[in-house]
């Protein structure tokens, strides 16, 4: 279903085109780096939660389109969150590695954000089919369940960084809690045979 892949691609990249247009029009505000960090982080978290939700959408519908585009969504989430990190490191910190590391060592929300990004980097590196086939299936699945931890750390990072309006981060936390609840309920993939009690 290439049309659905293209739909996911368009939905994932369109915010970048919008931000580029705002930059071209000089409408990113007085502190454009803050605007870009704001949006790249929130878009990345949104796509990360959608990536998790896609798995449950497949469980409910058995429609292959969801599972076929889940990796694509996860990589887009990583792309956006990497952009978020690079904007902070390059624009806000001026590529001053020593200063950036000092900031990270002193500020909890930066530690949480970096931990979340490192987890997602590992998941992205092990997402290619060739690597998945080379790994034991149980090990690969166990590793990729860390997407829940990365999401929780990212939301915690955002909570601490939020200054005034907590509605969005509260919504993120509620969505993740709901997805975790679904994870506890639906542990068995659709069509899997039930274990005999004999």
Protein backbone atom coordinates (compact mmCIF):
# COMPACT_ATOMS: atom_id res chain seq x y z
CA UNK A 1 0.00 0.00 0.00
CA UNK A 2 2.34 2.70 -1.27
CA UNK A 3 -0.38 5.35 -1.00
CA UNK A 4 -0.43 5.00 2.79
CA UNK A 5 3.36 5.18 2.96
CA UNK A 6 3.23 8.39 0.96
CA UNK A 7 0.50 9.73 3.26
CA UNK A 8 2.65 9.04 6.32
CA UNK A 9 5.65 10.58 4.56
CA UNK A 10 3.70 13.72 3.71
CA UNK A 11 2.26 14.07 7.20
CA UNK A 12 5.70 13.61 8.77
CA UNK A 13 7.60 16.06 6.58
CA UNK A 14 4.95 18.77 6.13
CA UNK A 15 5.70 20.46 9.49
CA UNK A 16 9.31 20.93 8.33
CA UNK A 17 8.07 22.69 5.21
CA UNK A 18 5.81 24.87 7.36
CA UNK A 19 8.70 25.81 9.68
CA UNK A 20 10.92 26.53 6.68
CA UNK A 21 8.23 28.82 5.28
CA UNK A 22 7.95 30.65 8.61
CA UNK A 23 11.71 31.09 8.62
CA UNK A 24 11.66 32.40 5.05
CA UNK A 25 8.97 34.89 6.06
CA UNK A 26 10.94 35.84 9.20
CA UNK A 27 8.00 34.78 11.37
CA UNK A 28 9.73 32.47 13.84
CA UNK A 29 9.59 35.11 16.55
CA UNK A 30 12.19 37.08 18.47
CA UNK A 31 14.05 33.91 19.46
CA UNK A 32 13.77 31.58 16.44
CA UNK A 33 15.89 28.89 18.09
CA UNK A 34 13.32 28.58 20.89
CA UNK A 35 10.48 28.36 18.37
CA UNK A 36 12.28 25.65 16.43
CA UNK A 37 13.20 23.72 19.57
CA UNK A 38 9.60 24.01 20.75
CA UNK A 39 8.12 22.60 17.56
CA UNK A 40 10.72 19.97 16.70
CA UNK A 41 10.48 18.47 20.19
CA UNK A 42 6.70 18.40 20.26
CA UNK A 43 6.38 17.05 16.73
CA UNK A 44 8.92 14.36 17.54
CA UNK A 45 7.06 13.32 20.68
CA UNK A 46 3.77 13.30 18.79
CA UNK A 47 5.18 10.99 16.12
CA UNK A 48 6.74 8.79 18.79
CA UNK A 49 3.38 8.28 20.49
CA UNK A 50 1.71 7.67 17.12
CA UNK A 51 4.37 5.02 16.44
CA UNK A 52 3.31 3.20 19.59
CA UNK A 53 -0.37 3.70 18.81
CA UNK A 54 0.12 2.25 15.31
CA UNK A 55 0.89 -1.13 16.87
CA UNK A 56 -2.42 -1.13 18.72
CA UNK A 57 -4.26 0.11 15.62
CA UNK A 58 -2.95 -2.99 13.87
CA UNK A 59 -4.07 -5.20 16.75
CA UNK A 60 -7.58 -3.77 16.61
CA UNK A 61 -7.98 -3.79 12.82
CA UNK A 62 -5.41 -6.32 11.52
CA UNK A 63 -4.83 -3.85 8.67
CA UNK A 64 -1.28 -4.29 7.41
CA UNK A 65 -0.93 -0.60 6.56
CA UNK A 66 -0.37 0.26 10.20
CA UNK A 67 2.38 -2.27 10.78
CA UNK A 68 3.95 -1.51 7.38
CA UNK A 69 4.45 2.16 8.25
CA UNK A 70 5.31 1.83 11.92
CA UNK A 71 9.07 1.75 11.38
CA UNK A 72 8.78 4.70 9.01
CA UNK A 73 6.98 6.71 11.68
CA UNK A 74 9.50 5.75 14.33
CA UNK A 75 12.37 6.92 12.14
CA UNK A 76 10.59 10.19 11.46
CA UNK A 77 10.14 10.66 15.21
CA UNK A 78 13.88 10.09 15.65
CA UNK A 79 14.61 12.53 12.81
CA UNK A 80 12.56 15.28 14.45
CA UNK A 81 14.05 14.69 17.89
CA UNK A 82 17.56 14.67 16.41
CA UNK A 83 16.75 18.02 14.82
CA UNK A 84 15.58 19.19 18.27
CA UNK A 85 18.91 18.12 19.79
CA UNK A 86 21.02 19.66 17.02
CA UNK A 87 19.18 22.99 17.21
CA UNK A 88 19.90 23.12 20.94
CA UNK A 89 23.51 22.03 20.49
CA UNK A 90 24.28 24.23 17.50
CA UNK A 91 22.07 27.28 17.79
CA UNK A 92 21.63 27.56 21.54
CA UNK A 93 25.05 26.25 22.62
CA UNK A 94 27.07 27.35 19.59
CA UNK A 95 28.65 23.89 19.23
CA UNK A 96 30.55 24.53 22.46
CA UNK A 97 30.82 20.92 23.57
CA UNK A 98 32.34 21.62 26.97
CA UNK A 99 29.65 24.15 27.80
CA UNK A 100 26.91 21.88 26.50
CA UNK A 101 28.20 18.99 28.61
CA UNK A 102 28.30 21.23 31.68
CA UNK A 103 24.69 22.22 31.03
CA UNK A 104 23.69 18.58 30.70
CA UNK A 105 25.51 17.62 33.90
CA UNK A 106 23.67 20.32 35.86
CA UNK A 107 20.13 20.26 34.43
CA UNK A 108 17.84 17.27 34.92
CA UNK A 109 15.62 17.95 31.92
CA UNK A 110 18.66 17.87 29.62
CA UNK A 111 19.79 14.57 31.13
CA UNK A 112 16.33 13.10 30.57
CA UNK A 113 16.19 14.37 27.00
CA UNK A 114 19.62 13.00 26.17
CA UNK A 115 18.78 9.62 27.70
CA UNK A 116 15.60 9.45 25.62
CA UNK A 117 17.52 10.36 22.46
CA UNK A 118 20.21 7.73 23.10
CA UNK A 119 17.55 5.04 23.48
CA UNK A 120 15.89 6.12 20.24
CA UNK A 121 19.26 6.19 18.47
CA UNK A 122 19.79 2.56 19.44
CA UNK A 123 16.30 1.67 18.23
CA UNK A 124 16.91 3.48 14.93
CA UNK A 125 20.23 1.70 14.42
CA UNK A 126 18.61 -1.70 14.95
CA UNK A 127 15.51 -0.97 12.87
CA UNK A 128 16.79 -2.16 9.44
CA UNK A 129 15.44 -5.55 8.42
CA UNK A 130 18.94 -6.98 8.00
CA UNK A 131 19.84 -6.15 11.60
CA UNK A 132 16.53 -7.44 12.90
CA UNK A 133 17.10 -10.77 11.15
CA UNK A 134 20.62 -10.97 12.56
CA UNK A 135 19.39 -10.52 16.13
CA UNK A 136 17.48 -13.11 18.16
CA UNK A 137 13.79 -12.25 17.77
CA UNK A 138 13.14 -12.04 21.51
CA UNK A 139 16.15 -9.77 22.02
CA UNK A 140 15.05 -7.45 19.21
CA UNK A 141 11.49 -7.20 20.50
CA UNK A 142 12.67 -6.66 24.07
CA UNK A 143 15.01 -3.90 22.92
CA UNK A 144 12.33 -2.10 20.94
CA UNK A 145 9.96 -2.09 23.89
CA UNK A 146 12.26 0.59 25.28
CA UNK A 147 10.29 2.98 23.08
CA UNK A 148 7.96 3.28 26.07
CA UNK A 149 10.83 4.35 28.33
CA UNK A 150 12.11 6.81 25.73
CA UNK A 151 8.62 8.31 25.46
CA UNK A 152 8.29 8.61 29.23
CA UNK A 153 11.70 10.26 29.53
CA UNK A 154 10.85 12.64 26.70
CA UNK A 155 7.59 13.65 28.33
CA UNK A 156 9.33 14.13 31.68
CA UNK A 157 11.93 16.28 29.91
CA UNK A 158 9.15 18.40 28.41
CA UNK A 159 7.33 18.67 31.74
CA UNK A 160 10.36 20.16 33.45
CA UNK A 161 11.11 22.46 30.51
CA UNK A 162 7.51 23.73 30.34
CA UNK A 163 7.09 27.09 32.04
CA UNK A 164 3.45 28.11 31.80
CA UNK A 165 1.01 26.03 29.75
CA UNK A 166 1.02 22.38 30.80
CA UNK A 167 -1.92 21.28 28.66
CA UNK A 168 0.12 19.71 25.86
CA UNK A 169 2.55 17.84 28.09
CA UNK A 170 -0.37 16.65 30.24
CA UNK A 171 -2.06 15.34 27.09
CA UNK A 172 1.15 13.55 26.09
CA UNK A 173 1.39 11.95 29.54
CA UNK A 174 -2.26 10.86 29.46
CA UNK A 175 -1.87 9.34 25.99
CA UNK A 176 1.24 7.42 27.03
CA UNK A 177 -0.54 6.17 30.16
CA UNK A 178 -3.40 4.95 27.98
CA UNK A 179 -1.00 3.20 25.61
CA UNK A 180 0.77 1.53 28.53
CA UNK A 181 -2.59 0.32 29.81
CA UNK A 182 -3.37 -1.12 26.39
CA UNK A 183 0.03 -2.77 26.38
CA UNK A 184 -0.86 -4.56 29.60
CA UNK A 185 -4.22 -5.65 28.20
CA UNK A 186 -3.18 -6.69 24.70
CA UNK A 187 0.00 -8.68 25.12
CA UNK A 188 -0.86 -11.23 22.43
CA UNK A 189 -0.74 -10.34 18.71
CA UNK A 190 -3.89 -10.92 16.66
CA UNK A 191 -4.30 -14.49 15.48
CA UNK A 192 -1.88 -15.97 18.00
CA UNK A 193 -3.08 -19.30 19.39
CA UNK A 194 -4.09 -19.48 23.02
CA UNK A 195 -1.99 -21.54 25.36
CA UNK A 196 -3.62 -24.79 26.34
CA UNK A 197 -4.42 -25.29 29.97
CA UNK A 198 -3.91 -29.02 29.84
